[in-house]
Amino acid sequence: MQQATHPVRVPLVTEPWGILKSLNAARQNVLSIIPEIATRQPMVSGKTGKRWHMVMDPDAIRRILLERLDDYPKSDVTKNLLRPAIGESLFIAEGAHWRWQRRAAAPVFSHRNVMNLGPIMTRAAEAASGRVSGAGPRAVNMADEMVRATFDVISDVTFSGDGGFDRDAVHRAIDAYIAEAGKISLFDVLGFPDWVPRPGRIMSGAALREMKSVADTAIDARRDAPHDDVPDLLDLLLDGEDPETKRRMDTGELRDNLLTFIVAGHETTALTLAWSLYLCAFDQEVQDRARAEARAVLGDRAATGADVPNLPYIRQIVDEALRLYPPAGIISRTAQKHDTLCGREVRPGDTVMIPIYALHRNHLLWQDADAFRPDRFADRKAIERYAYLPFGDGPRICIGASFALQEAVVILATLLSRHRFTPVPGKEPKPVMILTLRPEGGVWLMAEPADGINRKSA
């Protein structure tokens, strides 16, 4: 059987759909409603219940995300889906309420603090490598392994030393909420107010209440009994204050932001790693080159935060995986004022989407856009800024981007230096986005010791 020339992709729409067909498709895979033409045009508009625009032009995107940020707040659909889980945290808040939280939280993700948390990432990389080695040469669902590894990291950097914190319960509650409430509700699309019950959220309400209660208890306990170790995420947030107003987060605000960081801080990085490993298995030449780089830098040890600048090709693989499979494959805004984008009228109330999946595969912006080519990122200055948005951009760029990239490079370099990954026939992942772009069915790869290495990592 001849290997495909391009890695897996989402089949996009080639004909107009009505609202019910679009809604049904979106509940199964949000990206499936993107028209194929969006990969070949700067902007596509239509009406499905309400007017919408998909924008792939970098200059227009800059206008939305930077120049007229307040005129394009996050869409009501996005807020309605996520508010029950993460409240008015950084991800959802707008205007002054967002600004003071961002100012208070920004120092948490400084280069110094991210580097201080590097040993936790190294331990997680060692543990993941050990699990793969210990299982023996066999097919491994690396998507599940990467979720476990990144949840180990985020729970350790969030609640280090809190043995009473039920990490598994929080993880189960997050997964339950995403599974039940993440699917777009018809009520959300039609703009019904928040107080109209959504069936999925009723089903997951108990799990959410338990998760919030566990987090509140942990926050209050840390206030009463701070620890003396390297400050973790909770310590840093407890100490954080808005430098302009001196305001600090109360327990509810701390909890909502912590839960935001837990959700965003483990699943998105896990997905990046899973897709990176799939792509390395897809292209053995890329994998061999990455392994050579990792071994030259690491020898037999696991990667550390300090190694990241010396692993440029592995970083390029991560960048290319984020281009082909961005965890947030589409972002949505609601226009507040009249505007013109790409010569087209935008009215107040219009939904303005940036389909990052289509932007990253737009043939006007990328050569052989569906191909896996890490060398695209050898010169990052050659990449048009608003053509590549895995973490968004403008003032609302992902606050944890440097944390996520360091973690991804540390774990990927460690795994590739020690293991060879090859595809499992008939087990190709399917890219499906509900809230994030996941590999449906998992990423099943044969994992064997690389070039005769046979070690079991602690």
Protein backbone atom coordinates (compact mmCIF):
# COMPACT_ATOMS: atom_id res chain seq x y z
CA MET A 1 0.00 0.00 0.00
CA GLN A 2 1.50 3.33 -1.08
CA GLN A 3 1.93 5.91 1.66
CA ALA A 4 -0.10 9.11 1.30
CA THR A 5 1.93 12.10 0.17
CA HIS A 6 0.25 14.39 2.72
CA PRO A 7 -0.77 13.77 6.34
CA VAL A 8 -4.43 13.52 7.31
CA ARG A 9 -6.64 16.58 6.89
CA VAL A 10 -10.25 17.62 7.48
CA PRO A 11 -12.53 17.34 4.41
CA LEU A 12 -13.93 20.84 3.96
CA VAL A 13 -17.29 21.92 2.50
CA THR A 14 -17.57 22.20 -1.28
CA GLU A 15 -21.27 23.24 -1.52
CA PRO A 16 -23.59 25.57 0.45
CA TRP A 17 -25.33 24.07 3.51
CA GLY A 18 -28.49 25.16 5.36
CA ILE A 19 -28.59 25.97 9.06
CA LEU A 20 -29.69 22.53 10.28
CA LYS A 21 -27.14 20.64 8.20
CA SER A 22 -24.43 23.09 9.29
CA LEU A 23 -25.44 22.75 12.94
CA ASN A 24 -25.45 18.96 12.79
CA ALA A 25 -22.05 18.94 11.11
CA ALA A 26 -20.64 21.42 13.63
CA ARG A 27 -21.75 19.22 16.52
CA GLN A 28 -19.68 16.42 15.03
CA ASN A 29 -16.69 18.47 13.85
CA VAL A 30 -16.65 22.28 13.91
CA LEU A 31 -14.03 22.44 11.17
CA SER A 32 -16.25 20.54 8.75
CA ILE A 33 -18.34 23.69 8.20
CA ILE A 34 -15.35 25.59 6.75
CA PRO A 35 -15.73 25.94 2.98
CA GLU A 36 -12.85 24.57 0.92
CA ILE A 37 -12.64 27.95 -0.82
CA ALA A 38 -11.45 29.45 2.48
CA THR A 39 -8.07 27.82 1.80
CA ARG A 40 -7.80 29.78 -1.47
CA GLN A 41 -9.43 33.16 -0.72
CA PRO A 42 -8.68 36.05 1.69
CA MET A 43 -12.30 36.21 2.97
CA VAL A 44 -15.53 34.23 2.62
CA SER A 45 -18.97 35.48 3.74
CA GLY A 46 -22.44 34.00 4.01
CA LYS A 47 -25.60 33.74 6.06
CA THR A 48 -26.64 30.72 8.12
CA GLY A 49 -29.28 32.07 10.47
CA LYS A 50 -27.12 35.20 10.87
CA ARG A 51 -24.47 36.91 8.78
CA TRP A 52 -20.96 35.51 9.09
CA HIS A 53 -17.51 36.14 7.65
CA MET A 54 -14.42 33.93 7.61
CA VAL A 55 -11.23 35.98 7.40
CA MET A 56 -7.91 34.57 6.14
CA ASP A 57 -6.21 37.85 5.13
CA PRO A 58 -3.33 38.72 7.50
CA ASP A 59 -3.91 42.49 7.33
CA ALA A 60 -7.62 42.09 8.14
CA ILE A 61 -6.79 39.68 10.97
CA ARG A 62 -4.36 42.22 12.40
CA ARG A 63 -7.23 44.74 12.39
CA ILE A 64 -9.51 42.32 14.28
CA LEU A 65 -7.00 41.10 16.87
CA LEU A 66 -4.91 44.23 17.39
CA GLU A 67 -6.05 47.52 15.90
CA ARG A 68 -9.77 47.26 16.76
CA LEU A 69 -9.67 44.68 19.54
CA ASP A 70 -12.58 46.15 21.53
CA ASP A 71 -14.79 46.20 18.43
CA TYR A 72 -14.40 42.44 18.01
CA PRO A 73 -14.95 40.76 21.41
CA LYS A 74 -15.16 37.00 21.70
CA SER A 75 -18.43 35.70 20.29
CA ASP A 76 -21.41 34.97 22.50
CA VAL A 77 -21.29 31.32 21.39
CA THR A 78 -17.73 30.98 22.72
CA LYS A 79 -18.61 32.66 26.02
CA ASN A 80 -21.79 30.64 26.49
CA LEU A 81 -19.92 27.38 25.96
CA LEU A 82 -17.10 28.11 28.38
CA ARG A 83 -18.50 30.44 31.06
CA PRO A 84 -20.10 27.62 33.14
CA ALA A 85 -16.66 26.01 33.52
CA ILE A 86 -14.25 28.93 33.80
CA GLY A 87 -16.39 31.95 34.72
CA GLU A 88 -15.19 35.44 33.81
CA SER A 89 -11.55 34.39 33.71
CA LEU A 90 -8.87 35.72 31.38
CA PHE A 91 -10.09 33.58 28.49
CA ILE A 92 -13.61 35.06 28.51
CA ALA A 93 -13.45 38.47 30.24
CA GLU A 94 -13.54 41.64 28.16
CA GLY A 95 -12.49 45.26 28.58
CA ALA A 96 -11.28 46.54 31.94
CA HIS A 97 -12.08 43.27 33.73
CA TRP A 98 -9.85 41.39 31.32
CA ARG A 99 -7.08 44.01 31.40
CA TRP A 100 -6.54 44.00 35.16
CA GLN A 101 -6.49 40.19 35.29
CA ARG A 102 -3.99 40.08 32.44
CA ARG A 103 -1.73 42.58 34.17
CA ALA A 104 -1.90 40.62 37.43
CA ALA A 105 -1.21 37.26 35.78
CA ALA A 106 1.46 38.30 33.24
CA PRO A 107 4.45 37.96 35.64
CA VAL A 108 3.40 34.37 36.38
CA PHE A 109 4.54 33.37 32.88
CA SER A 110 7.77 35.35 32.77
CA HIS A 111 10.81 33.64 31.24
CA ARG A 112 12.35 33.22 34.69
CA ASN A 113 9.28 31.53 36.16
CA VAL A 114 8.81 29.28 33.14
CA MET A 115 12.46 28.18 33.40
CA ASN A 116 12.06 27.53 37.13
CA LEU A 117 9.23 25.12 36.32
CA GLY A 118 11.37 23.28 33.76
CA PRO A 119 12.39 20.40 36.08
CA ILE A 120 8.73 19.41 36.37
CA MET A 121 8.57 19.11 32.57
CA THR A 122 11.77 17.03 32.56
CA ARG A 123 10.34 14.64 35.16
CA ALA A 124 7.17 14.23 33.11
CA ALA A 125 9.24 13.53 29.98
CA GLU A 126 11.26 10.89 31.87
CA ALA A 127 8.08 9.27 33.17
CA ALA A 128 6.44 9.20 29.73
CA SER A 129 9.56 7.68 28.17
CA GLY A 130 9.66 5.12 30.98
CA ARG A 131 6.05 4.09 30.37
CA VAL A 132 6.68 3.65 26.65
CA SER A 133 9.86 1.62 27.30
CA GLY A 134 8.25 -0.46 30.02
CA ALA A 135 5.41 -1.53 27.77
CA GLY A 136 7.80 -3.27 25.38
CA PRO A 137 7.74 -2.91 21.59
CA ARG A 138 4.06 -2.58 20.77
CA ALA A 139 1.40 -0.20 19.49
CA VAL A 140 0.88 2.67 21.95
CA ASN A 141 -1.84 5.32 21.90
CA MET A 142 0.50 8.29 22.15
CA ALA A 143 -2.42 10.71 22.37
CA ASP A 144 -3.38 9.19 25.73
CA GLU A 145 0.25 9.13 26.83
CA MET A 146 0.69 12.81 26.02
CA VAL A 147 -2.50 13.76 27.90
CA ARG A 148 -1.14 11.95 30.94
CA ALA A 149 2.29 13.58 30.62
CA THR A 150 0.99 17.12 30.24
CA PHE A 151 -1.59 16.71 32.99
CA ASP A 152 1.25 15.57 35.27
CA VAL A 153 3.02 18.82 34.41
CA ILE A 154 0.10 21.19 34.84
CA SER A 155 -1.10 19.61 38.08
CA ASP A 156 2.43 19.73 39.52
CA VAL A 157 2.97 23.35 38.53
CA THR A 158 -0.49 24.28 39.79
CA PHE A 159 -0.83 22.42 43.08
CA SER A 160 2.66 21.16 43.94
CA GLY A 161 2.85 19.53 47.33
CA ASP A 162 -0.91 19.42 47.83
CA GLY A 163 -1.38 15.71 48.39
CA GLY A 164 -5.03 16.22 49.27
CA PHE A 165 -5.86 17.70 45.87
CA ASP A 166 -7.78 15.09 43.87
CA ARG A 167 -6.16 15.53 40.46
CA ASP A 168 -8.02 12.64 38.86
CA ALA A 169 -11.38 14.09 39.94
CA VAL A 170 -10.54 17.45 38.35
CA HIS A 171 -9.36 15.72 35.17
CA ARG A 172 -12.56 13.66 34.94
CA ALA A 173 -14.73 16.73 35.53
CA ILE A 174 -12.97 18.71 32.79
CA ASP A 175 -13.32 15.84 30.31
CA ALA A 176 -16.99 15.37 31.22
CA TYR A 177 -17.71 19.04 30.66
CA ILE A 178 -15.97 19.16 27.29
CA ALA A 179 -17.69 15.96 26.16
CA GLU A 180 -21.19 17.03 27.17
CA ALA A 181 -21.22 20.81 26.93
CA GLY A 182 -18.57 21.49 24.34
CA LYS A 183 -20.79 20.57 21.44
CA ILE A 184 -22.36 23.66 19.95
CA SER A 185 -25.91 24.11 21.16
CA LEU A 186 -28.62 25.24 18.79
CA PHE A 187 -29.65 27.69 21.52
CA ASP A 188 -26.16 29.25 21.39
CA VAL A 189 -26.22 29.57 17.60
CA LEU A 190 -29.64 31.24 17.73
CA GLY A 191 -28.47 33.60 20.48
CA PHE A 192 -30.75 32.44 23.33
CA PRO A 193 -29.77 34.00 26.68
CA ASP A 194 -27.64 32.15 29.24
CA TRP A 195 -30.55 31.43 31.60
CA VAL A 196 -32.25 29.13 29.05
CA PRO A 197 -31.07 25.64 30.14
CA ARG A 198 -28.71 23.74 27.86
CA PRO A 199 -29.14 19.96 28.26
CA GLY A 200 -25.42 19.18 28.06
CA ARG A 201 -24.57 21.62 30.81
CA ILE A 202 -27.27 20.25 33.09
CA MET A 203 -25.74 16.79 32.66
CA SER A 204 -22.26 18.01 33.58
CA GLY A 205 -23.25 20.45 36.33
CA ALA A 206 -22.51 18.13 39.26
CA ALA A 207 -19.01 17.37 38.02
CA LEU A 208 -18.34 21.08 37.54
CA ARG A 209 -19.52 21.94 41.04
CA GLU A 210 -17.26 19.26 42.49
CA MET A 211 -14.29 20.50 40.47
CA LYS A 212 -14.78 24.09 41.60
CA SER A 213 -15.22 23.01 45.22
CA VAL A 214 -11.97 21.01 45.13
CA ALA A 215 -10.10 23.97 43.63
CA ASP A 216 -11.56 26.44 46.17
CA THR A 217 -10.51 24.19 49.06
CA ALA A 218 -6.96 23.91 47.70
CA ILE A 219 -6.69 27.69 47.25
CA ASP A 220 -7.90 28.42 50.78
CA ALA A 221 -5.55 25.77 52.21
CA ARG A 222 -2.56 27.31 50.41
CA ARG A 223 -3.44 30.77 51.74
CA ASP A 224 -3.43 29.35 55.27
CA ALA A 225 -0.28 27.25 54.83
CA PRO A 226 2.08 28.42 52.08
CA HIS A 227 4.98 26.08 51.22
CA ASP A 228 8.68 26.89 50.90
CA ASP A 229 9.44 25.15 47.59
CA VAL A 230 9.97 26.86 44.22
CA PRO A 231 6.81 28.95 43.75
CA ASP A 232 4.21 27.13 41.68
CA LEU A 233 1.40 28.59 39.58
CA LEU A 234 -0.93 28.95 42.56
CA ASP A 235 1.73 30.70 44.66
CA LEU A 236 2.49 33.11 41.83
CA LEU A 237 -1.18 33.92 41.27
CA LEU A 238 -1.78 34.40 44.99
CA ASP A 239 1.10 36.91 45.03
CA GLY A 240 0.04 38.58 41.78
CA GLU A 241 -1.50 42.01 41.70
CA ASP A 242 -2.43 44.50 39.05
CA PRO A 243 0.51 46.98 39.04
CA GLU A 244 -1.86 49.84 38.19
CA THR A 245 -4.72 49.24 40.64
CA LYS A 246 -2.98 46.92 43.18
CA ARG A 247 -6.04 44.67 42.92
CA ARG A 248 -5.57 40.97 43.71
CA MET A 249 -7.71 38.04 42.65
CA ASP A 250 -10.25 36.71 45.14
CA THR A 251 -10.83 32.97 45.57
CA GLY A 252 -13.42 32.78 42.79
CA GLU A 253 -11.21 34.65 40.33
CA LEU A 254 -8.19 32.56 41.27
CA ARG A 255 -10.19 29.37 40.84
CA ASP A 256 -11.60 30.32 37.45
CA ASN A 257 -8.16 31.28 36.13
CA LEU A 258 -6.52 28.18 37.59
CA LEU A 259 -9.13 25.98 35.93
CA THR A 260 -8.54 27.90 32.69
CA PHE A 261 -4.80 27.23 32.92
CA ILE A 262 -5.39 23.58 33.77
CA VAL A 263 -7.67 23.05 30.77
CA ALA A 264 -5.62 25.15 28.35
CA GLY A 265 -2.30 24.13 29.85
CA HIS A 266 -2.52 20.41 29.42
CA GLU A 267 -4.88 19.46 26.61
CA THR A 268 -3.57 21.88 23.99
CA THR A 269 0.06 20.88 24.64
CA ALA A 270 -0.91 17.20 24.69
CA LEU A 271 -2.57 17.62 21.30
CA THR A 272 0.48 19.41 19.90
CA LEU A 273 2.70 16.55 21.06
CA ALA A 274 0.35 13.84 19.78
CA TRP A 275 0.16 15.44 16.33
CA SER A 276 3.94 16.02 16.33
CA LEU A 277 4.55 12.33 17.00
CA TYR A 278 2.05 11.33 14.31
CA LEU A 279 3.86 13.57 11.82
CA CYS A 280 7.28 12.20 12.81
CA ALA A 281 5.99 8.67 12.26
CA PHE A 282 4.52 9.81 8.94
CA ASP A 283 7.92 11.12 7.77
CA GLN A 284 10.80 8.95 9.00
CA GLU A 285 13.43 11.25 7.48
CA VAL A 286 12.18 14.12 9.65
CA GLN A 287 12.15 11.81 12.67
CA ASP A 288 15.73 10.64 12.03
CA ARG A 289 16.97 14.21 11.70
CA ALA A 290 15.20 15.23 14.90
CA ARG A 291 16.60 12.22 16.77
CA ALA A 292 20.13 13.07 15.65
CA GLU A 293 19.71 16.62 16.94
CA ALA A 294 18.29 15.44 20.25
CA ARG A 295 21.04 12.92 20.85
CA ALA A 296 23.76 15.40 19.96
CA VAL A 297 22.44 17.75 22.63
CA LEU A 298 21.13 15.33 25.25
CA GLY A 299 23.16 12.15 25.02
CA ASP A 300 21.27 9.70 27.25
CA ARG A 301 19.57 12.22 29.54
CA ALA A 302 16.14 13.79 29.31
CA ALA A 303 15.77 17.31 27.94
CA THR A 304 15.61 20.36 30.21
CA GLY A 305 14.33 23.88 29.73
CA ALA A 306 17.92 25.05 29.20
CA ASP A 307 18.25 22.69 26.21
CA VAL A 308 15.38 24.21 24.25
CA PRO A 309 17.42 26.90 22.42
CA ASN A 310 19.78 24.13 21.25
CA LEU A 311 16.97 22.04 19.72
CA PRO A 312 15.86 24.27 16.83
CA TYR A 313 14.73 21.49 14.47
CA ILE A 314 12.54 19.88 17.13
CA ARG A 315 11.02 23.31 17.75
CA GLN A 316 10.37 23.54 13.97
CA ILE A 317 8.49 20.22 14.11
CA VAL A 318 6.34 21.59 16.93
CA ASP A 319 5.71 24.77 14.94
CA GLU A 320 4.70 22.81 11.83
CA ALA A 321 2.41 20.53 13.87
CA LEU A 322 0.74 23.67 15.26
CA ARG A 323 0.32 24.94 11.71
CA LEU A 324 -1.27 21.76 10.37
CA TYR A 325 -3.30 20.92 13.48
CA PRO A 326 -3.82 24.10 15.56
CA PRO A 327 -5.50 23.13 18.86
CA ALA A 328 -7.88 26.09 18.52
CA GLY A 329 -8.79 25.51 14.88
CA ILE A 330 -11.26 28.38 14.67
CA ILE A 331 -11.87 31.49 16.78
CA SER A 332 -15.02 33.57 16.68
CA ARG A 333 -15.77 37.23 17.34
CA THR A 334 -18.94 39.34 17.26
CA ALA A 335 -18.62 42.69 15.46
CA GLN A 336 -19.75 45.66 17.57
CA LYS A 337 -19.43 48.41 14.96
CA HIS A 338 -19.60 48.89 11.22
CA ASP A 339 -16.30 48.04 9.55
CA THR A 340 -14.81 47.08 6.21
CA LEU A 341 -12.62 43.99 5.88
CA CYS A 342 -11.07 43.04 2.54
CA GLY A 343 -13.37 45.58 0.89
CA ARG A 344 -16.46 43.89 2.33
CA GLU A 345 -19.01 45.41 4.73
CA VAL A 346 -19.15 44.09 8.29
CA ARG A 347 -22.22 45.09 10.34
CA PRO A 348 -22.76 45.17 14.10
CA GLY A 349 -23.87 41.71 15.26
CA ASP A 350 -22.13 39.86 12.42
CA THR A 351 -20.12 36.79 13.41
CA VAL A 352 -16.51 37.23 12.31
CA MET A 353 -14.50 34.02 12.36
CA ILE A 354 -10.79 33.44 11.93
CA PRO A 355 -10.65 29.79 10.82
CA ILE A 356 -7.05 29.20 11.89
CA TYR A 357 -7.14 25.73 10.36
CA ALA A 358 -7.90 27.27 6.93
CA LEU A 359 -5.55 30.22 7.49
CA HIS A 360 -2.68 27.82 8.16
CA ARG A 361 -3.48 25.90 4.97
CA ASN A 362 -4.28 28.88 2.78
CA HIS A 363 -2.62 28.48 -0.62
CA LEU A 364 -2.16 32.24 -0.95
CA LEU A 365 0.07 32.18 2.14
CA TRP A 366 1.77 28.76 2.22
CA GLN A 367 3.51 26.76 -0.50
CA ASP A 368 2.16 23.19 -0.75
CA ALA A 369 0.00 24.13 2.21
CA ASP A 370 -1.11 20.60 3.19
CA ALA A 371 2.42 19.16 3.21
CA PHE A 372 4.46 18.49 6.36
CA ARG A 373 7.61 20.62 6.04
CA PRO A 374 9.29 21.66 9.32
CA ASP A 375 11.91 23.61 7.34
CA ARG A 376 9.26 26.30 6.71
CA PHE A 377 10.15 27.55 10.17
CA ALA A 378 13.94 27.55 9.75
CA ASP A 379 13.67 31.32 9.32
CA ARG A 380 10.82 32.47 11.51
CA LYS A 381 11.19 36.05 10.30
CA ALA A 382 10.08 34.87 6.85
CA ILE A 383 6.68 33.80 8.25
CA GLU A 384 4.09 36.54 7.93
CA ARG A 385 3.00 37.27 11.50
CA TYR A 386 -0.75 37.17 11.05
CA ALA A 387 -0.59 34.16 8.73
CA TYR A 388 0.41 31.89 11.63
CA LEU A 389 -1.67 32.09 14.80
CA PRO A 390 -1.47 28.93 16.92
CA PHE A 391 -1.62 31.08 20.06
CA GLY A 392 -3.66 33.96 18.66
CA ASP A 393 -2.04 37.40 18.62
CA GLY A 394 -2.44 40.98 19.75
CA PRO A 395 -3.02 41.86 23.42
CA ARG A 396 -4.96 38.60 23.88
CA ILE A 397 -2.19 36.31 22.64
CA CYS A 398 -2.07 33.14 24.76
CA ILE A 399 -0.45 34.06 28.07
CA GLY A 400 1.08 30.59 28.43
CA ALA A 401 2.61 30.27 24.93
CA SER A 402 6.24 30.17 26.11
CA PHE A 403 5.33 27.62 28.81
CA ALA A 404 3.61 25.38 26.24
CA LEU A 405 6.42 25.56 23.70
CA GLN A 406 9.10 24.78 26.28
CA GLU A 407 7.10 21.82 27.56
CA ALA A 408 6.45 20.47 24.05
CA VAL A 409 10.11 20.64 23.02
CA VAL A 410 11.33 19.06 26.28
CA ILE A 411 8.94 16.09 26.02
CA LEU A 412 9.26 15.60 22.24
CA ALA A 413 13.08 15.72 22.29
CA THR A 414 13.24 13.20 25.12
CA LEU A 415 10.90 10.76 23.40
CA LEU A 416 12.50 11.01 19.95
CA SER A 417 15.99 10.55 21.35
CA ARG A 418 15.03 7.23 22.91
CA HIS A 419 12.26 5.73 20.77
CA ARG A 420 11.44 5.13 17.13
CA PHE A 421 7.80 5.64 16.21
CA THR A 422 6.19 4.10 13.14
CA PRO A 423 2.55 4.14 11.96
CA VAL A 424 0.13 1.33 12.78
CA PRO A 425 -1.67 0.24 9.57
CA GLY A 426 -5.39 1.00 9.65
CA LYS A 427 -5.06 3.26 12.72
CA GLU A 428 -4.74 6.66 11.08
CA PRO A 429 -6.07 9.46 13.32
CA LYS A 430 -9.00 11.61 12.19
CA PRO A 431 -8.76 15.35 12.92
CA VAL A 432 -11.97 16.37 14.72
CA MET A 433 -12.61 19.65 16.52
CA ILE A 434 -15.29 20.18 19.15
CA LEU A 435 -13.54 22.68 21.42
CA THR A 436 -10.03 21.63 20.38
CA LEU A 437 -8.62 19.80 17.36
CA ARG A 438 -8.26 16.23 18.59
CA PRO A 439 -7.08 13.05 16.82
CA GLU A 440 -10.27 10.97 16.93
CA GLY A 441 -9.41 7.34 17.55
CA GLY A 442 -6.09 8.27 19.12
CA VAL A 443 -2.56 8.36 17.71
CA TRP A 444 -1.57 4.71 17.59
CA LEU A 445 2.13 4.25 16.86
CA MET A 446 4.55 1.38 17.11
CA ALA A 447 7.07 2.41 19.74
CA GLU A 448 10.43 0.66 19.74
CA PRO A 449 13.83 1.45 21.22
CA ALA A 450 15.65 3.75 18.83
CA ASP A 451 18.70 2.14 17.16
CA GLY A 452 19.00 -0.63 19.70
CA ILE A 453 18.51 1.49 22.82
CA ASN A 454 16.76 -0.50 25.52
CA ARG A 455 16.35 1.56 28.63
CA LYS A 456 13.61 1.88 31.20
CA SER A 457 13.48 5.43 32.44
CA ALA A 458 12.52 6.19 36.00
